[in-house]
Every structure is written in structure tokens, then in C-alpha cells.
């Protein structure tokens, strides 16, 4: 039963928590090739927050980037990955490993850098 608006319903809160938890997918023992270094950990995709990161013993290593400052939000199931600096070529290596599928390229920022919207395929 759905509670009317403005009425506290603890069961509704429980469902929201369960739904939020179900938007996170984890794939263990994944090696990500950053080009100059390879790191192995649990690849975590939090679809609700559009985040992809590699969980290491030392802490999380971000894979995705937020482009909300440019008014951009990836579609559900997708994240943005920058293709400059230490992440040059990362999208191609993740795609080759079968972890993402590139959707399209974007040009962002004052230096007109390339980022990719990718579908996460864990």
C-alpha cells in the first residue's frame, strides 16, 4: 500500500534504500590498465550517482568523471571518462577489456579536451 503524500511510511523508505543499493554493481578481481600502471581491485559501478571506480586496498581510484559543471549528465547505465592527462587512452583500454562500450565523444573545457560517454558493461 502506498501512503498518501505527507504521511510517513517506513516501508516506503525501506524500498528506496533497497532500490538505491540495487543500482550498484561490483566486479571483483578486475585489472585496469591506466597506460603507465595496471591496478587490480573491485570495479564498482554506482549507476545512481553515475560513478565508476576501482576499489583498492589503499582506497578508491576514480575511473569516471563528473561533467555536471558543464551541464552534462550521462544516461542511465553510463558514465563519463576523460581522455586526457593520466587517463589518455583509458576508454579504449576499458572497451578492449569488455568493461565499457563507448557511446559518443564529447569536447569539454577551455582546452577542448575529449571525454567519452560509455555504457558500463560489467
Protein backbone atom coordinates (compact mmCIF):
# COMPACT_ATOMS: atom_id res chain seq x y z
CA UNK A 1 0.00 0.00 0.00
CA UNK A 2 1.31 3.45 -0.89
CA UNK A 3 0.97 6.13 1.78
CA UNK A 4 -0.57 9.47 0.79
CA UNK A 5 1.83 12.38 0.23
CA UNK A 6 2.96 13.89 3.51
CA UNK A 7 2.31 10.71 5.51
CA UNK A 8 5.36 8.93 6.96
CA UNK A 9 5.61 5.39 5.63
CA UNK A 10 8.64 3.43 6.92
CA UNK A 11 8.07 0.69 4.32
CA UNK A 12 8.42 3.24 1.52
CA UNK A 13 11.79 4.36 2.96
CA UNK A 14 12.94 0.73 3.03
CA UNK A 15 12.07 0.31 -0.66
CA UNK A 16 14.05 3.43 -1.60
CA UNK A 17 17.11 2.09 0.22
CA UNK A 18 16.77 -1.29 -1.47
CA UNK A 19 16.38 0.32 -4.90
CA UNK A 20 19.42 2.56 -4.33
CA UNK A 21 21.52 -0.42 -3.28
CA UNK A 22 20.48 -2.34 -6.39
CA UNK A 23 21.95 0.38 -8.65
CA UNK A 24 25.49 -0.60 -7.64
CA UNK A 25 27.27 -3.41 -9.48
CA UNK A 26 30.64 -4.81 -8.38
CA UNK A 27 33.01 -6.96 -10.41
CA UNK A 28 35.90 -8.35 -8.34
CA UNK A 29 39.49 -9.01 -9.42
CA UNK A 30 39.49 -6.59 -12.34
CA UNK A 31 42.79 -5.27 -13.69
CA UNK A 32 42.57 -1.79 -15.19
CA UNK A 33 45.36 -0.67 -17.50
CA UNK A 34 45.93 3.05 -16.99
CA UNK A 35 48.71 3.05 -19.57
CA UNK A 36 51.62 3.68 -17.21
CA UNK A 37 50.35 1.37 -14.45
CA UNK A 38 48.00 -1.58 -14.06
CA UNK A 39 45.89 -1.79 -10.91
CA UNK A 40 43.75 -4.72 -9.73
CA UNK A 41 40.74 -4.40 -7.48
CA UNK A 42 36.95 -4.42 -7.44
CA UNK A 43 35.39 -2.37 -10.23
CA UNK A 44 32.32 -0.63 -8.79
CA UNK A 45 29.61 1.00 -10.89
CA UNK A 46 27.21 3.17 -8.90
CA UNK A 47 24.57 3.95 -11.51
CA UNK A 48 22.53 6.21 -9.24
CA UNK A 49 25.47 8.60 -8.90
CA UNK A 50 26.94 7.81 -12.37
CA UNK A 51 30.28 6.77 -10.85
CA UNK A 52 32.75 4.08 -11.92
CA UNK A 53 35.76 3.44 -9.69
CA UNK A 54 38.30 0.77 -8.88
CA UNK A 55 38.26 -0.12 -5.20
CA UNK A 56 41.79 -0.84 -3.97
CA UNK A 57 43.16 -1.67 -0.51
CA UNK A 58 44.52 1.91 -0.43
CA UNK A 59 41.11 3.38 -1.32
CA UNK A 60 39.09 4.13 -4.46
CA UNK A 61 40.75 5.01 -7.78
CA UNK A 62 38.30 7.09 -9.85
CA UNK A 63 37.64 5.93 -13.40
CA UNK A 64 34.72 8.21 -14.28
CA UNK A 65 34.48 11.98 -14.18
CA UNK A 66 31.57 14.31 -13.44
CA UNK A 67 30.75 16.84 -16.14
CA UNK A 68 27.86 18.40 -14.22
CA UNK A 69 29.79 21.69 -14.19
CA UNK A 70 29.19 21.76 -17.96
CA UNK A 71 25.52 20.86 -17.54
CA UNK A 72 26.10 17.28 -18.74
CA UNK A 73 24.76 14.08 -17.18
CA UNK A 74 25.27 10.63 -18.70
CA UNK A 75 22.29 8.43 -19.48
CA UNK A 76 21.30 5.67 -17.04
CA UNK A 77 23.84 2.85 -17.14
CA UNK A 78 26.51 5.21 -18.46
CA UNK A 79 29.39 7.30 -17.08
CA UNK A 80 31.80 9.87 -18.50
CA UNK A 81 35.51 9.05 -18.79
CA UNK A 82 38.07 11.74 -19.52
CA UNK A 83 40.64 11.05 -22.23
CA UNK A 84 43.41 13.43 -21.22
CA UNK A 85 46.28 13.56 -18.77
CA UNK A 86 46.70 10.34 -16.79
CA UNK A 87 43.56 8.89 -18.41
CA UNK A 88 44.71 9.22 -22.06
CA UNK A 89 43.57 6.08 -23.90
CA UNK A 90 41.75 4.69 -20.84
CA UNK A 91 38.38 4.46 -22.59
CA UNK A 92 39.86 2.38 -25.42
CA UNK A 93 41.62 0.03 -22.97
CA UNK A 94 38.43 -0.42 -20.89
CA UNK A 95 36.45 -1.13 -24.08
CA UNK A 96 39.05 -3.64 -25.25
CA UNK A 97 38.75 -5.39 -21.86
CA UNK A 98 34.96 -5.58 -22.32
CA UNK A 99 34.19 -3.36 -19.32
CA UNK A 100 32.59 -0.45 -21.23
CA UNK A 101 31.13 0.32 -24.63
CA UNK A 102 31.77 3.86 -25.94
CA UNK A 103 28.55 5.73 -26.78
CA UNK A 104 29.94 9.04 -28.06
CA UNK A 105 32.78 11.54 -27.65
CA UNK A 106 32.38 14.99 -26.12
CA UNK A 107 34.61 18.05 -26.25
CA UNK A 108 34.73 19.87 -22.91
CA UNK A 109 36.51 22.62 -21.06
CA UNK A 110 38.67 25.56 -22.03
CA UNK A 111 41.26 23.26 -23.63
CA UNK A 112 38.59 21.46 -25.68
CA UNK A 113 39.54 18.11 -24.15
CA UNK A 114 37.89 14.85 -25.14
CA UNK A 115 35.72 12.83 -22.79
CA UNK A 116 33.61 9.81 -23.65
CA UNK A 117 30.18 8.76 -22.53
CA UNK A 118 30.36 4.99 -22.13
CA UNK A 119 27.90 2.28 -21.24
CA UNK A 120 29.21 0.22 -18.35
CA UNK A 121 29.09 -3.50 -19.29
CA UNK A 122 30.15 -5.28 -16.08
